[in-house]
Amino acid sequence: MDDYESVLLVIRECFVYRIPPRTAARGYRAAEWGDLGTSFLWKGRLRIISKGETCTIRLEDSNTGELFANCPYNPASNSVEAVLDSSRYFVLKIENEGRHAFIGMGFQERGDAFDFNVALQDFSKQLRAEKKAAERAAQADSLPKKDYSLKEGETISIQIGNV
């Protein structure tokens, strides 16, 4: 069966920043990216798309839909990291033809950042739930079946009030 493609989130406006290399294991800080209001590298639309067990964050031109960057999301890796000093900015690991780079990405509104986080968490929860359901189904198939049918000669009697 082919998996269907599902759009988990569309945010009309996000900003991309060139970020300095990480100097320590402590994480990224948006304050180190320059003036966040004017120093953005690109501005456009963000879409989160899931298909089966894969999820992709696509940065696209708002008018033409042309792809600017693609970030395959993996909950177990560092493909998306929140910055340490703001709830509106993130670092994405974008990939193209086997090569990768880290870029800063941010939103004007906290609500958009919240929706972004929730969409990624919902995808992770859905993956875990599907794996648990598959494990339970496999476990149920391995258990012996119980026979709850009435044997020949058995009857059920039910008494209902004064009827």
N, C-alpha and C. Protein backbone atom coordinates (compact mmCIF):
# COMPACT_ATOMS: atom_id res chain seq x y z
N MET A 1 0.84 -1.18 0.00
CA MET A 1 0.00 0.00 0.00
C MET A 1 0.88 1.24 0.00
N ASP A 2 0.57 2.18 -0.87
CA ASP A 2 1.33 3.43 -0.91
C ASP A 2 0.88 4.33 0.23
N ASP A 3 1.85 4.96 0.87
CA ASP A 3 1.53 5.91 1.93
C ASP A 3 1.04 7.21 1.29
N TYR A 4 0.14 7.86 1.97
CA TYR A 4 -0.36 9.14 1.46
C TYR A 4 0.47 10.26 2.06
N GLU A 5 0.51 11.36 1.34
CA GLU A 5 1.26 12.52 1.78
C GLU A 5 0.32 13.44 2.54
N SER A 6 0.75 13.90 3.70
CA SER A 6 -0.09 14.73 4.55
C SER A 6 0.65 16.02 4.90
N VAL A 7 -0.01 17.15 4.71
CA VAL A 7 0.58 18.43 5.09
C VAL A 7 0.21 18.68 6.56
N LEU A 8 1.22 18.67 7.43
CA LEU A 8 0.98 18.82 8.86
C LEU A 8 0.87 20.28 9.27
N LEU A 9 1.57 21.17 8.57
CA LEU A 9 1.58 22.58 8.96
C LEU A 9 2.02 23.44 7.79
N VAL A 10 1.40 24.59 7.66
CA VAL A 10 1.84 25.61 6.70
C VAL A 10 1.95 26.92 7.48
N ILE A 11 3.13 27.52 7.42
CA ILE A 11 3.34 28.84 8.03
C ILE A 11 3.72 29.79 6.90
N ARG A 12 2.97 30.84 6.77
CA ARG A 12 3.09 31.73 5.62
C ARG A 12 4.40 32.51 5.57
N GLU A 13 4.99 32.78 6.75
CA GLU A 13 6.21 33.60 6.74
C GLU A 13 7.20 33.09 7.77
N CYS A 14 8.38 32.74 7.26
CA CYS A 14 9.50 32.40 8.14
C CYS A 14 10.76 33.02 7.55
N PHE A 15 11.76 33.13 8.37
CA PHE A 15 13.01 33.78 7.98
C PHE A 15 14.17 32.81 8.14
N VAL A 16 15.12 32.88 7.21
CA VAL A 16 16.31 32.02 7.26
C VAL A 16 17.53 32.91 7.46
N TYR A 17 18.44 32.43 8.31
CA TYR A 17 19.64 33.19 8.66
C TYR A 17 20.88 32.34 8.42
N ARG A 18 21.95 33.01 8.04
CA ARG A 18 23.26 32.37 8.01
C ARG A 18 23.77 32.38 9.44
N ILE A 19 24.23 31.24 9.92
CA ILE A 19 24.66 31.16 11.32
C ILE A 19 26.15 30.83 11.39
N PRO A 20 26.81 31.32 12.44
CA PRO A 20 28.22 30.98 12.62
C PRO A 20 28.35 29.52 13.07
N PRO A 21 29.50 28.91 12.82
CA PRO A 21 29.69 27.53 13.27
C PRO A 21 29.58 27.43 14.79
N ARG A 22 29.10 26.31 15.25
CA ARG A 22 28.98 26.10 16.70
C ARG A 22 30.38 25.98 17.28
N THR A 23 30.66 26.75 18.32
CA THR A 23 32.00 26.73 18.92
C THR A 23 32.07 25.81 20.13
N ALA A 24 30.94 25.51 20.72
CA ALA A 24 30.93 24.64 21.90
C ALA A 24 29.71 23.73 21.82
N ALA A 25 29.68 22.76 22.66
CA ALA A 25 28.57 21.80 22.67
C ALA A 25 27.33 22.36 23.35
N ARG A 26 27.38 23.61 23.79
CA ARG A 26 26.28 24.19 24.55
C ARG A 26 25.05 24.48 23.71
N GLY A 27 25.17 24.61 22.41
CA GLY A 27 24.02 24.90 21.57
C GLY A 27 24.15 26.24 20.87
N TYR A 28 23.14 26.58 20.11
CA TYR A 28 23.13 27.80 19.32
C TYR A 28 22.38 28.91 20.05
N ARG A 29 22.76 30.16 19.76
CA ARG A 29 22.07 31.33 20.29
C ARG A 29 21.69 32.25 19.13
N ALA A 30 20.42 32.63 19.08
CA ALA A 30 19.94 33.50 18.01
C ALA A 30 20.58 34.88 18.08
N ALA A 31 20.97 35.32 19.26
CA ALA A 31 21.59 36.64 19.41
C ALA A 31 22.91 36.74 18.65
N GLU A 32 23.53 35.61 18.35
CA GLU A 32 24.82 35.60 17.64
C GLU A 32 24.64 35.69 16.12
N TRP A 33 23.39 35.73 15.64
CA TRP A 33 23.13 35.72 14.20
C TRP A 33 23.06 37.12 13.61
N GLY A 34 23.28 38.14 14.39
CA GLY A 34 23.19 39.51 13.90
C GLY A 34 21.84 40.11 14.22
N ASP A 35 21.51 41.20 13.53
CA ASP A 35 20.22 41.86 13.73
C ASP A 35 19.14 41.00 13.08
N LEU A 36 18.32 40.36 13.89
CA LEU A 36 17.36 39.38 13.40
C LEU A 36 16.26 40.01 12.55
N GLY A 37 16.04 41.31 12.72
CA GLY A 37 14.99 41.97 11.95
C GLY A 37 15.40 42.27 10.51
N THR A 38 16.68 42.47 10.27
CA THR A 38 17.11 42.88 8.93
C THR A 38 18.15 41.97 8.28
N SER A 39 18.81 41.13 9.05
CA SER A 39 19.93 40.35 8.50
C SER A 39 19.54 38.98 7.98
N PHE A 40 18.25 38.77 7.72
CA PHE A 40 17.85 37.45 7.24
C PHE A 40 18.34 37.24 5.80
N LEU A 41 18.61 35.99 5.49
CA LEU A 41 19.12 35.58 4.19
C LEU A 41 17.99 35.37 3.18
N TRP A 42 16.87 34.90 3.68
CA TRP A 42 15.73 34.53 2.83
C TRP A 42 14.45 34.63 3.65
N LYS A 43 13.34 34.89 2.97
CA LYS A 43 12.03 34.94 3.63
C LYS A 43 11.04 34.21 2.73
N GLY A 44 10.22 33.34 3.34
CA GLY A 44 9.25 32.60 2.54
C GLY A 44 8.32 31.78 3.40
N ARG A 45 7.75 30.74 2.79
CA ARG A 45 6.76 29.87 3.43
C ARG A 45 7.42 28.59 3.92
N LEU A 46 6.89 28.06 5.02
CA LEU A 46 7.36 26.79 5.58
C LEU A 46 6.21 25.79 5.53
N ARG A 47 6.50 24.58 5.06
CA ARG A 47 5.51 23.50 5.07
C ARG A 47 6.15 22.26 5.69
N ILE A 48 5.42 21.60 6.57
CA ILE A 48 5.85 20.32 7.13
C ILE A 48 4.97 19.25 6.50
N ILE A 49 5.62 18.30 5.83
CA ILE A 49 4.91 17.26 5.09
C ILE A 49 5.36 15.90 5.59
N SER A 50 4.39 15.02 5.88
CA SER A 50 4.74 13.66 6.29
C SER A 50 4.22 12.69 5.25
N LYS A 51 4.97 11.62 5.08
CA LYS A 51 4.57 10.53 4.18
C LYS A 51 5.10 9.25 4.79
N GLY A 52 4.19 8.44 5.31
CA GLY A 52 4.62 7.22 5.98
C GLY A 52 5.41 7.54 7.23
N GLU A 53 6.63 7.03 7.29
CA GLU A 53 7.48 7.26 8.46
C GLU A 53 8.48 8.39 8.23
N THR A 54 8.31 9.14 7.16
CA THR A 54 9.22 10.26 6.89
C THR A 54 8.49 11.58 7.05
N CYS A 55 9.24 12.58 7.45
CA CYS A 55 8.71 13.92 7.62
C CYS A 55 9.74 14.89 7.05
N THR A 56 9.26 15.88 6.33
CA THR A 56 10.15 16.83 5.68
C THR A 56 9.68 18.25 5.98
N ILE A 57 10.63 19.10 6.32
CA ILE A 57 10.36 20.52 6.49
C ILE A 57 10.83 21.20 5.21
N ARG A 58 9.90 21.80 4.50
CA ARG A 58 10.21 22.43 3.22
C ARG A 58 10.11 23.94 3.36
N LEU A 59 11.14 24.64 2.94
CA LEU A 59 11.14 26.09 2.89
C LEU A 59 10.94 26.47 1.43
N GLU A 60 9.84 27.16 1.13
CA GLU A 60 9.46 27.43 -0.25
C GLU A 60 9.19 28.92 -0.45
N ASP A 61 9.35 29.37 -1.68
CA ASP A 61 9.01 30.74 -2.03
C ASP A 61 7.50 30.93 -1.85
N SER A 62 7.11 32.02 -1.23
CA SER A 62 5.69 32.27 -0.94
C SER A 62 4.85 32.43 -2.19
N ASN A 63 5.43 32.96 -3.25
CA ASN A 63 4.66 33.24 -4.46
C ASN A 63 4.69 32.09 -5.46
N THR A 64 5.86 31.55 -5.73
CA THR A 64 6.00 30.54 -6.78
C THR A 64 5.96 29.11 -6.25
N GLY A 65 6.24 28.90 -4.96
CA GLY A 65 6.31 27.55 -4.41
C GLY A 65 7.64 26.87 -4.69
N GLU A 66 8.60 27.61 -5.26
CA GLU A 66 9.91 27.04 -5.57
C GLU A 66 10.64 26.68 -4.28
N LEU A 67 11.25 25.50 -4.26
CA LEU A 67 11.93 25.00 -3.07
C LEU A 67 13.22 25.77 -2.82
N PHE A 68 13.38 26.29 -1.60
CA PHE A 68 14.61 26.95 -1.19
C PHE A 68 15.51 25.96 -0.45
N ALA A 69 14.93 25.23 0.51
CA ALA A 69 15.71 24.27 1.30
C ALA A 69 14.78 23.15 1.77
N ASN A 70 15.39 22.00 2.00
CA ASN A 70 14.67 20.82 2.42
C ASN A 70 15.36 20.24 3.65
N CYS A 71 14.59 20.00 4.70
CA CYS A 71 15.15 19.46 5.95
C CYS A 71 14.41 18.17 6.30
N PRO A 72 15.02 17.01 6.03
CA PRO A 72 14.39 15.76 6.46
C PRO A 72 14.38 15.69 7.99
N TYR A 73 13.20 15.55 8.58
CA TYR A 73 13.09 15.57 10.05
C TYR A 73 13.19 14.16 10.59
N ASN A 74 14.08 13.99 11.54
CA ASN A 74 14.23 12.72 12.25
C ASN A 74 14.24 13.06 13.74
N PRO A 75 13.24 12.58 14.50
CA PRO A 75 13.18 12.93 15.92
C PRO A 75 14.39 12.46 16.73
N ALA A 76 15.09 11.45 16.24
CA ALA A 76 16.22 10.90 16.98
C ALA A 76 17.54 11.60 16.66
N SER A 77 17.53 12.55 15.73
CA SER A 77 18.79 13.21 15.36
C SER A 77 18.71 14.70 15.64
N ASN A 78 19.72 15.41 15.18
CA ASN A 78 19.79 16.86 15.40
C ASN A 78 19.30 17.63 14.17
N SER A 79 18.30 17.12 13.48
CA SER A 79 17.82 17.80 12.27
C SER A 79 17.12 19.11 12.60
N VAL A 80 16.52 19.22 13.78
CA VAL A 80 15.91 20.48 14.24
C VAL A 80 16.31 20.69 15.69
N GLU A 81 16.91 21.84 15.97
CA GLU A 81 17.30 22.18 17.34
C GLU A 81 16.74 23.56 17.68
N ALA A 82 16.17 23.68 18.85
CA ALA A 82 15.73 24.99 19.33
C ALA A 82 16.97 25.74 19.82
N VAL A 83 16.98 27.05 19.64
CA VAL A 83 18.09 27.84 20.16
C VAL A 83 17.92 28.02 21.66
N LEU A 84 18.99 28.40 22.32
CA LEU A 84 18.97 28.50 23.79
C LEU A 84 18.31 29.77 24.30
N ASP A 85 18.33 30.84 23.49
CA ASP A 85 17.92 32.14 24.02
C ASP A 85 16.60 32.67 23.47
N SER A 86 15.85 31.88 22.72
CA SER A 86 14.57 32.36 22.19
C SER A 86 13.67 31.17 21.86
N SER A 87 12.36 31.40 21.98
CA SER A 87 11.41 30.34 21.63
C SER A 87 10.98 30.44 20.17
N ARG A 88 11.41 31.49 19.45
CA ARG A 88 10.96 31.70 18.07
C ARG A 88 11.97 31.26 17.02
N TYR A 89 13.16 30.82 17.43
CA TYR A 89 14.23 30.51 16.48
C TYR A 89 14.72 29.08 16.64
N PHE A 90 15.11 28.49 15.50
CA PHE A 90 15.55 27.10 15.46
C PHE A 90 16.74 26.98 14.51
N VAL A 91 17.46 25.88 14.63
CA VAL A 91 18.52 25.55 13.69
C VAL A 91 18.08 24.30 12.94
N LEU A 92 18.09 24.37 11.61
CA LEU A 92 17.70 23.24 10.77
C LEU A 92 18.92 22.67 10.06
N LYS A 93 18.94 21.35 9.94
CA LYS A 93 19.99 20.68 9.17
C LYS A 93 19.40 20.38 7.80
N ILE A 94 19.76 21.22 6.82
CA ILE A 94 19.21 21.03 5.48
C ILE A 94 20.14 20.11 4.70
N GLU A 95 19.54 19.35 3.78
CA GLU A 95 20.31 18.38 3.00
C GLU A 95 19.99 18.54 1.53
N ASN A 96 21.04 18.32 0.70
CA ASN A 96 20.89 18.36 -0.74
C ASN A 96 21.96 17.49 -1.36
N GLU A 97 21.54 16.44 -2.07
CA GLU A 97 22.45 15.54 -2.79
C GLU A 97 23.57 15.01 -1.91
N GLY A 98 23.25 14.56 -0.72
CA GLY A 98 24.24 13.96 0.17
C GLY A 98 25.03 14.95 1.01
N ARG A 99 24.91 16.22 0.74
CA ARG A 99 25.61 17.24 1.52
C ARG A 99 24.62 17.88 2.48
N HIS A 100 25.13 18.39 3.60
CA HIS A 100 24.24 19.06 4.55
C HIS A 100 24.87 20.36 5.05
N ALA A 101 24.01 21.22 5.56
CA ALA A 101 24.43 22.49 6.14
C ALA A 101 23.44 22.85 7.23
N PHE A 102 23.88 23.68 8.16
CA PHE A 102 23.01 24.15 9.23
C PHE A 102 22.64 25.60 8.96
N ILE A 103 21.34 25.90 9.06
CA ILE A 103 20.87 27.27 8.87
C ILE A 103 19.98 27.64 10.06
N GLY A 104 19.90 28.92 10.32
CA GLY A 104 18.98 29.43 11.34
C GLY A 104 17.64 29.70 10.70
N MET A 105 16.57 29.47 11.46
CA MET A 105 15.22 29.70 10.95
C MET A 105 14.41 30.29 12.09
N GLY A 106 13.60 31.30 11.77
CA GLY A 106 12.83 31.93 12.82
C GLY A 106 11.49 32.44 12.32
N PHE A 107 10.65 32.81 13.28
CA PHE A 107 9.30 33.29 13.01
C PHE A 107 9.11 34.65 13.66
N GLN A 108 8.23 35.47 13.09
CA GLN A 108 7.87 36.75 13.69
C GLN A 108 7.06 36.55 14.97
N GLU A 109 6.16 35.59 14.93
CA GLU A 109 5.21 35.38 16.04
C GLU A 109 5.55 34.13 16.83
N ARG A 110 5.38 34.22 18.14
CA ARG A 110 5.59 33.05 19.00
C ARG A 110 4.60 31.93 18.69
N GLY A 111 3.40 32.32 18.29
CA GLY A 111 2.37 31.33 17.95
C GLY A 111 2.80 30.42 16.81
N ASP A 112 3.48 31.00 15.81
CA ASP A 112 3.98 30.19 14.70
C ASP A 112 5.05 29.21 15.18
N ALA A 113 5.93 29.68 16.07
CA ALA A 113 6.97 28.80 16.62
C ALA A 113 6.35 27.68 17.44
N PHE A 114 5.30 28.01 18.19
CA PHE A 114 4.60 27.00 18.98
C PHE A 114 3.96 25.96 18.07
N ASP A 115 3.28 26.41 17.01
CA ASP A 115 2.65 25.49 16.06
C ASP A 115 3.69 24.60 15.39
N PHE A 116 4.85 25.15 15.06
CA PHE A 116 5.96 24.40 14.46
C PHE A 116 6.40 23.28 15.41
N ASN A 117 6.63 23.63 16.67
CA ASN A 117 7.03 22.63 17.66
C ASN A 117 5.97 21.54 17.83
N VAL A 118 4.71 21.94 17.92
CA VAL A 118 3.62 20.99 18.14
C VAL A 118 3.48 20.04 16.96
N ALA A 119 3.63 20.55 15.73
CA ALA A 119 3.51 19.69 14.55
C ALA A 119 4.61 18.62 14.56
N LEU A 120 5.83 19.00 14.93
CA LEU A 120 6.93 18.02 14.99
C LEU A 120 6.70 17.01 16.12
N GLN A 121 6.20 17.48 17.26
CA GLN A 121 5.92 16.56 18.37
C GLN A 121 4.78 15.61 18.02
N ASP A 122 3.75 16.11 17.34
CA ASP A 122 2.64 15.24 16.92
C ASP A 122 3.13 14.15 15.98
N PHE A 123 4.03 14.51 15.05
CA PHE A 123 4.57 13.50 14.14
C PHE A 123 5.33 12.43 14.92
N SER A 124 6.14 12.85 15.89
CA SER A 124 6.91 11.89 16.70
C SER A 124 5.98 10.98 17.49
N LYS A 125 4.93 11.56 18.09
CA LYS A 125 3.95 10.76 18.85
C LYS A 125 3.25 9.76 17.94
N GLN A 126 2.90 10.19 16.74
CA GLN A 126 2.22 9.31 15.80
C GLN A 126 3.12 8.13 15.43
N LEU A 127 4.41 8.38 15.20
CA LEU A 127 5.34 7.30 14.89
C LEU A 127 5.41 6.29 16.03
N ARG A 128 5.53 6.80 17.26
CA ARG A 128 5.61 5.90 18.43
C ARG A 128 4.33 5.08 18.58
N ALA A 129 3.17 5.73 18.38
CA ALA A 129 1.89 5.02 18.51
C ALA A 129 1.75 3.94 17.45
N GLU A 130 2.17 4.22 16.23
CA GLU A 130 2.08 3.22 15.17
C GLU A 130 3.00 2.04 15.45
N LYS A 131 4.19 2.30 15.99
CA LYS A 131 5.11 1.20 16.33
C LYS A 131 4.54 0.35 17.46
N LYS A 132 3.97 0.99 18.47
CA LYS A 132 3.36 0.24 19.58
C LYS A 132 2.19 -0.60 19.10
N ALA A 133 1.37 -0.04 18.21
CA ALA A 133 0.22 -0.77 17.68
C ALA A 133 0.68 -1.99 16.88
N ALA A 134 1.73 -1.82 16.10
CA ALA A 134 2.27 -2.95 15.33
C ALA A 134 2.83 -4.03 16.26
N GLU A 135 3.51 -3.60 17.33
CA GLU A 135 4.04 -4.56 18.31
C GLU A 135 2.91 -5.32 19.00
N ARG A 136 1.86 -4.59 19.40
CA ARG A 136 0.71 -5.24 20.05
C ARG A 136 0.01 -6.22 19.11
N ALA A 137 -0.12 -5.84 17.86
CA ALA A 137 -0.77 -6.73 16.88
C ALA A 137 0.06 -7.99 16.68
N ALA A 138 1.37 -7.84 16.61
CA ALA A 138 2.24 -9.01 16.47
C ALA A 138 2.18 -9.90 17.70
N GLN A 139 2.12 -9.26 18.87
CA GLN A 139 2.04 -10.01 20.13
C GLN A 139 0.69 -10.72 20.23
N ALA A 140 -0.38 -10.08 19.82
CA ALA A 140 -1.70 -10.69 19.87
C ALA A 140 -1.80 -11.89 18.93
N ASP A 141 -1.12 -11.81 17.79
CA ASP A 141 -1.13 -12.93 16.85
C ASP A 141 -0.38 -14.13 17.39
N SER A 142 0.61 -13.90 18.25
CA SER A 142 1.41 -15.00 18.77
C SER A 142 0.75 -15.69 19.96
N LEU A 143 -0.22 -15.05 20.62
CA LEU A 143 -0.90 -15.67 21.75
C LEU A 143 -1.93 -16.68 21.26
N PRO A 144 -2.19 -17.74 22.04
CA PRO A 144 -3.21 -18.70 21.62
C PRO A 144 -4.61 -18.05 21.66
N LYS A 145 -5.44 -18.45 20.73
CA LYS A 145 -6.79 -17.89 20.63
C LYS A 145 -7.69 -18.52 21.69
N LYS A 146 -8.57 -17.70 22.28
CA LYS A 146 -9.51 -18.19 23.29
C LYS A 146 -10.86 -18.42 22.63
N ASP A 147 -11.51 -19.49 23.00
CA ASP A 147 -12.81 -19.85 22.44
C ASP A 147 -13.90 -19.45 23.44
N TYR A 148 -14.65 -18.42 23.10
CA TYR A 148 -15.71 -17.95 23.98
C TYR A 148 -17.10 -18.42 23.50
N SER A 149 -17.14 -19.27 22.52
CA SER A 149 -18.44 -19.71 22.00
C SER A 149 -19.10 -20.69 22.97
N LEU A 150 -20.42 -20.78 22.88
CA LEU A 150 -21.17 -21.72 23.73
C LEU A 150 -20.97 -23.13 23.22
N LYS A 151 -20.70 -24.03 24.13
CA LYS A 151 -20.55 -25.44 23.77
C LYS A 151 -21.94 -26.04 23.61
N GLU A 152 -21.99 -27.17 22.97
CA GLU A 152 -23.28 -27.82 22.73
C GLU A 152 -23.95 -28.16 24.06
N GLY A 153 -25.19 -27.73 24.19
CA GLY A 153 -25.94 -27.99 25.41
C GLY A 153 -25.86 -26.85 26.43
N GLU A 154 -24.94 -25.93 26.27
CA GLU A 154 -24.83 -24.80 27.21
C GLU A 154 -25.89 -23.76 26.85
N THR A 155 -26.41 -23.12 27.89
CA THR A 155 -27.38 -22.05 27.65
C THR A 155 -27.06 -20.87 28.55
N ILE A 156 -27.62 -19.74 28.20
CA ILE A 156 -27.48 -18.53 28.99
C ILE A 156 -28.88 -18.12 29.41
N SER A 157 -29.06 -17.85 30.69
CA SER A 157 -30.36 -17.36 31.15
C SER A 157 -30.18 -15.98 31.76
N ILE A 158 -31.07 -15.07 31.40
CA ILE A 158 -30.99 -13.70 31.87
C ILE A 158 -32.32 -13.34 32.51
N GLN A 159 -32.28 -12.81 33.74
CA GLN A 159 -33.49 -12.38 34.42
C GLN A 159 -33.50 -10.86 34.49
N ILE A 160 -34.57 -10.29 33.98
CA ILE A 160 -34.68 -8.83 33.94
C ILE A 160 -35.88 -8.43 34.79
N GLY A 161 -35.64 -7.89 35.96
CA GLY A 161 -36.66 -7.34 36.84
C GLY A 161 -37.88 -8.22 37.00
N ASN A 162 -39.07 -7.62 36.88
CA ASN A 162 -40.36 -8.31 37.07
C ASN A 162 -40.97 -8.73 35.73
N VAL A 163 -40.21 -8.91 34.74
CA VAL A 163 -40.75 -9.25 33.42
C VAL A 163 -40.89 -10.75 33.29
